Amino acid sequence: MIASVHGEVLSVGLDTAVVEVGGVGLAVQATPATLAGLRVGSSARLATSLLVREDALTLFGFADADEREVFETVQTVTGIGPRLALAMLAVHTPDGLRRAVADEDLAALQRVPGVGRKSAQRIVLELKDRLGAPARPSGTVASAAPDDRRGQVVEALTGLGWPERAAVAAVEQVLDGSTDPVGAAEVSGVLRAALRTLGGARG
């Protein structure tokens, strides 16, 4: 198993980055939030999970080992494959998934494209004792200033291929309409919400 890759980022797309390792460019599929943290020409280290099939080898990349562990664990649920597992991490952080499962929050799980009510119930049933407890926030959550958040998320979205005008509109909609002060304080939270907004607009 390829547990991690470390090298220069050659390209970043909507769902895949190419990282050069030992002169070989490895295509790594990842969530939008992970891809948004990569910069072409810069060095990156990603925790990875290798999917081996008869007709293909697919490498999935993650910001850290915890995200990879959650990705692999959710695939033990009946009917959950790597694509859907990655989609779950595109919508929720690892702790967000743990919290949704622990609280039996079916609505939160159904925000993932491809997860219906029955799938959400199965996820809760099969993962209740396997994902572990979510970390509970303690003290003040560090956050970026509003203008910093806007700029960082817009830059990430345009880097993923969205037009700047659409990116700005989505970020404004998220920040102006947020009822979650903690989620809105975190750049990754704003990015995930903006991607959901853009995805709905595209559909």
C-alpha atoms as a PDB file:
ATOM      1  CA  MET A   1       0.000   0.000   0.000  1.00  0.00           C
ATOM      2  CA  ILE A   2       1.146   3.527  -0.800  1.00  0.00           C
ATOM      3  CA  ALA A   3       0.601   5.274   2.548  1.00  0.00           C
ATOM      4  CA  SER A   4       1.709   8.765   1.501  1.00  0.00           C
ATOM      5  CA  VAL A   5       3.210  10.797  -1.314  1.00  0.00           C
ATOM      6  CA  HIS A   6       5.580  13.735  -1.034  1.00  0.00           C
ATOM      7  CA  GLY A   7       6.729  15.821  -3.950  1.00  0.00           C
ATOM      8  CA  GLU A   8       6.146  18.782  -6.246  1.00  0.00           C
ATOM      9  CA  VAL A   9       2.601  19.535  -7.314  1.00  0.00           C
ATOM     10  CA  LEU A  10       2.530  19.510 -11.128  1.00  0.00           C
ATOM     11  CA  SER A  11      -1.164  20.263 -11.631  1.00  0.00           C
ATOM     12  CA  VAL A  12      -4.413  20.697  -9.719  1.00  0.00           C
ATOM     13  CA  GLY A  13      -7.819  19.945 -11.248  1.00  0.00           C
ATOM     14  CA  LEU A  14     -11.400  19.805 -10.019  1.00  0.00           C
ATOM     15  CA  ASP A  15     -10.996  16.368  -8.453  1.00  0.00           C
ATOM     16  CA  THR A  16      -7.378  15.326  -9.072  1.00  0.00           C
ATOM     17  CA  ALA A  17      -3.857  16.608  -8.472  1.00  0.00           C
ATOM     18  CA  VAL A  18      -0.656  15.310 -10.022  1.00  0.00           C
ATOM     19  CA  VAL A  19       2.281  15.034  -7.606  1.00  0.00           C
ATOM     20  CA  GLU A  20       5.752  14.190  -8.896  1.00  0.00           C
ATOM     21  CA  VAL A  21       7.480  11.535  -6.808  1.00  0.00           C
ATOM     22  CA  GLY A  22      10.893  10.271  -7.911  1.00  0.00           C
ATOM     23  CA  GLY A  23      10.392  11.575 -11.426  1.00  0.00           C
ATOM     24  CA  VAL A  24       6.947   9.959 -11.770  1.00  0.00           C
ATOM     25  CA  GLY A  25       3.752  12.013 -11.847  1.00  0.00           C
ATOM     26  CA  LEU A  26       1.121  10.357  -9.647  1.00  0.00           C
ATOM     27  CA  ALA A  27      -2.535  11.265 -10.185  1.00  0.00           C
ATOM     28  CA  VAL A  28      -4.173  11.619  -6.774  1.00  0.00           C
ATOM     29  CA  GLN A  29      -7.924  12.039  -6.365  1.00  0.00           C
ATOM     30  CA  ALA A  30      -8.930  14.210  -3.412  1.00  0.00           C
ATOM     31  CA  THR A  31     -11.667  16.377  -1.935  1.00  0.00           C
ATOM     32  CA  PRO A  32     -12.024  20.007  -3.068  1.00  0.00           C
ATOM     33  CA  ALA A  33     -10.828  21.223   0.340  1.00  0.00           C
ATOM     34  CA  THR A  34      -7.629  19.162   0.099  1.00  0.00           C
ATOM     35  CA  LEU A  35      -7.014  20.232  -3.493  1.00  0.00           C
ATOM     36  CA  ALA A  36      -7.568  23.868  -2.564  1.00  0.00           C
ATOM     37  CA  GLY A  37      -4.584  23.653  -0.208  1.00  0.00           C
ATOM     38  CA  LEU A  38      -2.227  22.604  -3.008  1.00  0.00           C
ATOM     39  CA  ARG A  39      -0.263  24.997  -5.188  1.00  0.00           C
ATOM     40  CA  VAL A  40       1.348  24.131  -8.513  1.00  0.00           C
ATOM     41  CA  GLY A  41       5.139  24.261  -8.176  1.00  0.00           C
ATOM     42  CA  SER A  42       5.058  23.837  -4.393  1.00  0.00           C
ATOM     43  CA  SER A  43       5.888  20.736  -2.390  1.00  0.00           C
ATOM     44  CA  ALA A  44       3.052  18.762  -0.826  1.00  0.00           C
ATOM     45  CA  ARG A  45       2.657  15.711   1.390  1.00  0.00           C
ATOM     46  CA  LEU A  46      -0.582  13.750   1.290  1.00  0.00           C
ATOM     47  CA  ALA A  47      -1.723  10.687   3.205  1.00  0.00           C
ATOM     48  CA  THR A  48      -2.982   8.237   0.592  1.00  0.00           C
ATOM     49  CA  SER A  49      -5.115   5.158   0.094  1.00  0.00           C
ATOM     50  CA  LEU A  50      -4.587   2.916  -2.945  1.00  0.00           C
ATOM     51  CA  LEU A  51      -7.560   1.196  -4.563  1.00  0.00           C
ATOM     52  CA  VAL A  52      -6.487  -1.871  -6.570  1.00  0.00           C
ATOM     53  CA  ARG A  53      -8.797  -3.300  -9.218  1.00  0.00           C
ATOM     54  CA  GLU A  54      -8.223  -5.624 -12.136  1.00  0.00           C
ATOM     55  CA  ASP A  55      -8.413  -2.794 -14.659  1.00  0.00           C
ATOM     56  CA  ALA A  56      -7.071   0.172 -12.678  1.00  0.00           C
ATOM     57  CA  LEU A  57      -5.026   1.493  -9.772  1.00  0.00           C
ATOM     58  CA  THR A  58      -6.572   4.586  -8.177  1.00  0.00           C
ATOM     59  CA  LEU A  59      -4.778   6.692  -5.578  1.00  0.00           C
ATOM     60  CA  PHE A  60      -6.804   8.847  -3.179  1.00  0.00           C
ATOM     61  CA  GLY A  61      -5.134  11.660  -1.247  1.00  0.00           C
ATOM     62  CA  PHE A  62      -5.959  13.291   2.085  1.00  0.00           C
ATOM     63  CA  ALA A  63      -4.810  16.215   4.174  1.00  0.00           C
ATOM     64  CA  ASP A  64      -3.896  13.892   7.050  1.00  0.00           C
ATOM     65  CA  ALA A  65      -4.018  10.292   8.257  1.00  0.00           C
ATOM     66  CA  ASP A  66      -7.242  10.851  10.208  1.00  0.00           C
ATOM     67  CA  GLU A  67      -9.115  11.823   7.056  1.00  0.00           C
ATOM     68  CA  ARG A  68      -7.730   8.733   5.316  1.00  0.00           C
ATOM     69  CA  GLU A  69      -8.818   6.496   8.197  1.00  0.00           C
ATOM     70  CA  VAL A  70     -12.369   7.850   8.040  1.00  0.00           C
ATOM     71  CA  PHE A  71     -12.384   7.384   4.249  1.00  0.00           C
ATOM     72  CA  GLU A  72     -11.427   3.733   4.630  1.00  0.00           C
ATOM     73  CA  THR A  73     -13.782   3.092   7.547  1.00  0.00           C
ATOM     74  CA  VAL A  74     -16.924   4.431   5.863  1.00  0.00           C
ATOM     75  CA  GLN A  75     -16.302   2.048   2.958  1.00  0.00           C
ATOM     76  CA  THR A  76     -17.022  -0.868   5.291  1.00  0.00           C
ATOM     77  CA  VAL A  77     -20.678   0.187   5.153  1.00  0.00           C
ATOM     78  CA  THR A  78     -22.746  -1.868   2.714  1.00  0.00           C
ATOM     79  CA  GLY A  79     -23.115   0.023  -0.560  1.00  0.00           C
ATOM     80  CA  ILE A  80     -20.493   2.698   0.181  1.00  0.00           C
ATOM     81  CA  GLY A  81     -17.630   2.737  -2.316  1.00  0.00           C
ATOM     82  CA  PRO A  82     -14.604   5.026  -2.627  1.00  0.00           C
ATOM     83  CA  ARG A  83     -16.393   7.680  -4.729  1.00  0.00           C
ATOM     84  CA  LEU A  84     -19.186   8.076  -2.222  1.00  0.00           C
ATOM     85  CA  ALA A  85     -16.736   7.955   0.689  1.00  0.00           C
ATOM     86  CA  LEU A  86     -14.801  10.809  -0.915  1.00  0.00           C
ATOM     87  CA  ALA A  87     -18.027  12.745  -1.458  1.00  0.00           C
ATOM     88  CA  MET A  88     -18.824  12.366   2.248  1.00  0.00           C
ATOM     89  CA  LEU A  89     -15.484  13.955   3.111  1.00  0.00           C
ATOM     90  CA  ALA A  90     -16.070  16.704   0.569  1.00  0.00           C
ATOM     91  CA  VAL A  91     -19.217  17.721   2.455  1.00  0.00           C
ATOM     92  CA  HIS A  92     -18.168  16.933   6.040  1.00  0.00           C
ATOM     93  CA  THR A  93     -14.912  17.016   7.961  1.00  0.00           C
ATOM     94  CA  PRO A  94     -13.922  13.742   9.669  1.00  0.00           C
ATOM     95  CA  ASP A  95     -15.242  15.064  12.986  1.00  0.00           C
ATOM     96  CA  GLY A  96     -18.359  16.336  11.227  1.00  0.00           C
ATOM     97  CA  LEU A  97     -19.068  12.799  10.055  1.00  0.00           C
ATOM     98  CA  ARG A  98     -18.355  11.404  13.508  1.00  0.00           C
ATOM     99  CA  ARG A  99     -20.761  13.907  15.027  1.00  0.00           C
ATOM    100  CA  ALA A 100     -23.484  13.159  12.480  1.00  0.00           C
ATOM    101  CA  VAL A 101     -23.184   9.423  13.153  1.00  0.00           C
ATOM    102  CA  ALA A 102     -22.976   9.828  16.935  1.00  0.00           C
ATOM    103  CA  ASP A 103     -26.031  12.128  16.978  1.00  0.00           C
ATOM    104  CA  GLU A 104     -27.882  10.009  14.403  1.00  0.00           C
ATOM    105  CA  ASP A 105     -28.261  13.170  12.338  1.00  0.00           C
ATOM    106  CA  LEU A 106     -29.757  11.698   9.164  1.00  0.00           C
ATOM    107  CA  ALA A 107     -30.368  15.134   7.637  1.00  0.00           C
ATOM    108  CA  ALA A 108     -26.658  15.960   7.845  1.00  0.00           C
ATOM    109  CA  LEU A 109     -25.712  12.663   6.203  1.00  0.00           C
ATOM    110  CA  GLN A 110     -28.268  13.177   3.443  1.00  0.00           C
ATOM    111  CA  ARG A 111     -26.558  16.411   2.459  1.00  0.00           C
ATOM    112  CA  VAL A 112     -23.998  14.191   0.744  1.00  0.00           C
ATOM    113  CA  PRO A 113     -24.971  13.660  -2.925  1.00  0.00           C
ATOM    114  CA  GLY A 114     -25.942  10.021  -3.382  1.00  0.00           C
ATOM    115  CA  VAL A 115     -26.915   9.398   0.250  1.00  0.00           C
ATOM    116  CA  GLY A 116     -30.640   8.922   0.821  1.00  0.00           C
ATOM    117  CA  ARG A 117     -32.528   8.263   4.022  1.00  0.00           C
ATOM    118  CA  LYS A 118     -32.046   4.485   3.939  1.00  0.00           C
ATOM    119  CA  SER A 119     -28.333   4.886   3.210  1.00  0.00           C
ATOM    120  CA  ALA A 120     -28.033   7.393   6.059  1.00  0.00           C
ATOM    121  CA  GLN A 121     -29.751   4.977   8.453  1.00  0.00           C
ATOM    122  CA  ARG A 122     -27.401   2.187   7.373  1.00  0.00           C
ATOM    123  CA  ILE A 123     -24.359   4.438   7.867  1.00  0.00           C
ATOM    124  CA  VAL A 124     -25.462   5.248  11.413  1.00  0.00           C
ATOM    125  CA  LEU A 125     -26.217   1.604  12.196  1.00  0.00           C
ATOM    126  CA  GLU A 126     -22.952   0.200  10.842  1.00  0.00           C
ATOM    127  CA  LEU A 127     -20.584   2.978  11.928  1.00  0.00           C
ATOM    128  CA  LYS A 128     -22.020   3.860  15.335  1.00  0.00           C
ATOM    129  CA  ASP A 129     -19.186   2.160  17.223  1.00  0.00           C
ATOM    130  CA  ARG A 130     -16.484   2.312  14.561  1.00  0.00           C
ATOM    131  CA  LEU A 131     -15.754   5.965  13.783  1.00  0.00           C
ATOM    132  CA  GLY A 132     -14.964   6.982  17.343  1.00  0.00           C
ATOM    133  CA  ALA A 133     -16.168  10.011  19.249  1.00  0.00           C
ATOM    134  CA  PRO A 134     -15.908  13.467  17.676  1.00  0.00           C
ATOM    135  CA  ALA A 135     -13.555  15.966  19.234  1.00  0.00           C
ATOM    136  CA  ARG A 136     -15.424  18.469  21.321  1.00  0.00           C
ATOM    137  CA  PRO A 137     -14.437  22.106  20.851  1.00  0.00           C
ATOM    138  CA  SER A 138     -12.673  23.609  23.842  1.00  0.00           C
ATOM    139  CA  GLY A 139     -12.047  27.290  24.333  1.00  0.00           C
ATOM    140  CA  THR A 140     -12.166  29.792  21.506  1.00  0.00           C
ATOM    141  CA  VAL A 141     -12.034  28.627  17.925  1.00  0.00           C
ATOM    142  CA  ALA A 142      -9.316  30.404  15.988  1.00  0.00           C
ATOM    143  CA  SER A 143     -10.704  31.972  12.836  1.00  0.00           C
ATOM    144  CA  ALA A 144      -9.702  34.140   9.939  1.00  0.00           C
ATOM    145  CA  ALA A 145     -11.075  37.645   9.589  1.00  0.00           C
ATOM    146  CA  PRO A 146     -14.115  37.925   7.249  1.00  0.00           C
ATOM    147  CA  ASP A 147     -12.166  39.586   4.449  1.00  0.00           C
ATOM    148  CA  ASP A 148      -9.412  36.952   4.752  1.00  0.00           C
ATOM    149  CA  ARG A 149     -11.958  34.161   4.527  1.00  0.00           C
ATOM    150  CA  ARG A 150     -13.578  35.641   1.446  1.00  0.00           C
ATOM    151  CA  GLY A 151     -10.280  36.077  -0.341  1.00  0.00           C
ATOM    152  CA  GLN A 152      -8.932  32.626   0.538  1.00  0.00           C
ATOM    153  CA  VAL A 153     -12.091  30.774  -0.443  1.00  0.00           C
ATOM    154  CA  VAL A 154     -12.581  32.727  -3.676  1.00  0.00           C
ATOM    155  CA  GLU A 155      -8.956  31.995  -4.594  1.00  0.00           C
ATOM    156  CA  ALA A 156      -9.468  28.300  -3.855  1.00  0.00           C
ATOM    157  CA  LEU A 157     -12.644  28.129  -5.944  1.00  0.00           C
ATOM    158  CA  THR A 158     -11.130  29.900  -8.926  1.00  0.00           C
ATOM    159  CA  GLY A 159      -8.119  27.615  -8.629  1.00  0.00           C
ATOM    160  CA  LEU A 160     -10.536  24.685  -8.938  1.00  0.00           C
ATOM    161  CA  GLY A 161     -11.947  26.123 -12.149  1.00  0.00           C
ATOM    162  CA  TRP A 162     -14.969  28.159 -11.055  1.00  0.00           C
ATOM    163  CA  PRO A 163     -15.434  31.637 -12.618  1.00  0.00           C
ATOM    164  CA  GLU A 164     -14.466  34.388 -10.172  1.00  0.00           C
ATOM    165  CA  ARG A 165     -17.866  36.030 -10.378  1.00  0.00           C
ATOM    166  CA  ALA A 166     -19.666  32.806  -9.455  1.00  0.00           C
ATOM    167  CA  ALA A 167     -17.138  32.100  -6.687  1.00  0.00           C
ATOM    168  CA  VAL A 168     -17.587  35.532  -5.124  1.00  0.00           C
ATOM    169  CA  ALA A 169     -21.395  35.212  -5.242  1.00  0.00           C
ATOM    170  CA  ALA A 170     -21.307  31.767  -3.612  1.00  0.00           C
ATOM    171  CA  VAL A 171     -18.992  32.889  -0.807  1.00  0.00           C
ATOM    172  CA  GLU A 172     -21.109  35.970  -0.106  1.00  0.00           C
ATOM    173  CA  GLN A 173     -24.226  33.814   0.030  1.00  0.00           C
ATOM    174  CA  VAL A 174     -22.588  31.428   2.501  1.00  0.00           C
ATOM    175  CA  LEU A 175     -21.165  34.097   4.808  1.00  0.00           C
ATOM    176  CA  ASP A 176     -24.232  36.335   4.760  1.00  0.00           C
ATOM    177  CA  GLY A 177     -26.649  33.487   5.387  1.00  0.00           C
ATOM    178  CA  SER A 178     -24.646  31.379   7.839  1.00  0.00           C
ATOM    179  CA  THR A 179     -26.329  30.345  11.076  1.00  0.00           C
ATOM    180  CA  ASP A 180     -23.241  28.418  12.211  1.00  0.00           C
ATOM    181  CA  PRO A 181     -20.687  30.868  13.664  1.00  0.00           C
ATOM    182  CA  VAL A 182     -18.062  28.163  14.137  1.00  0.00           C
ATOM    183  CA  GLY A 183     -18.408  26.728  10.636  1.00  0.00           C
ATOM    184  CA  ALA A 184     -18.450  30.199   9.086  1.00  0.00           C
ATOM    185  CA  ALA A 185     -15.303  31.090  11.010  1.00  0.00           C
ATOM    186  CA  GLU A 186     -13.291  28.336   9.374  1.00  0.00           C
ATOM    187  CA  VAL A 187     -12.027  28.684   5.813  1.00  0.00           C
ATOM    188  CA  SER A 188     -12.577  24.965   5.159  1.00  0.00           C
ATOM    189  CA  GLY A 189     -16.175  25.244   6.376  1.00  0.00           C
ATOM    190  CA  VAL A 190     -16.886  28.195   4.089  1.00  0.00           C
ATOM    191  CA  LEU A 191     -15.260  26.378   1.176  1.00  0.00           C
ATOM    192  CA  ARG A 192     -17.382  23.263   1.662  1.00  0.00           C
ATOM    193  CA  ALA A 193     -20.583  25.317   1.908  1.00  0.00           C
ATOM    194  CA  ALA A 194     -19.660  27.361  -1.175  1.00  0.00           C
ATOM    195  CA  LEU A 195     -19.005  24.177  -3.142  1.00  0.00           C
ATOM    196  CA  ARG A 196     -22.429  22.854  -2.167  1.00  0.00           C
ATOM    197  CA  THR A 197     -23.972  26.153  -3.323  1.00  0.00           C
ATOM    198  CA  LEU A 198     -22.122  26.068  -6.633  1.00  0.00           C
ATOM    199  CA  GLY A 199     -22.922  22.417  -7.152  1.00  0.00           C
ATOM    200  CA  GLY A 200     -26.619  23.125  -6.688  1.00  0.00           C
ATOM    201  CA  ALA A 201     -26.460  26.043  -9.106  1.00  0.00           C
ATOM    202  CA  ARG A 202     -24.705  23.896 -11.703  1.00  0.00           C
ATOM    203  CA  GLY A 203     -27.270  21.112 -11.342  1.00  0.00           C
END
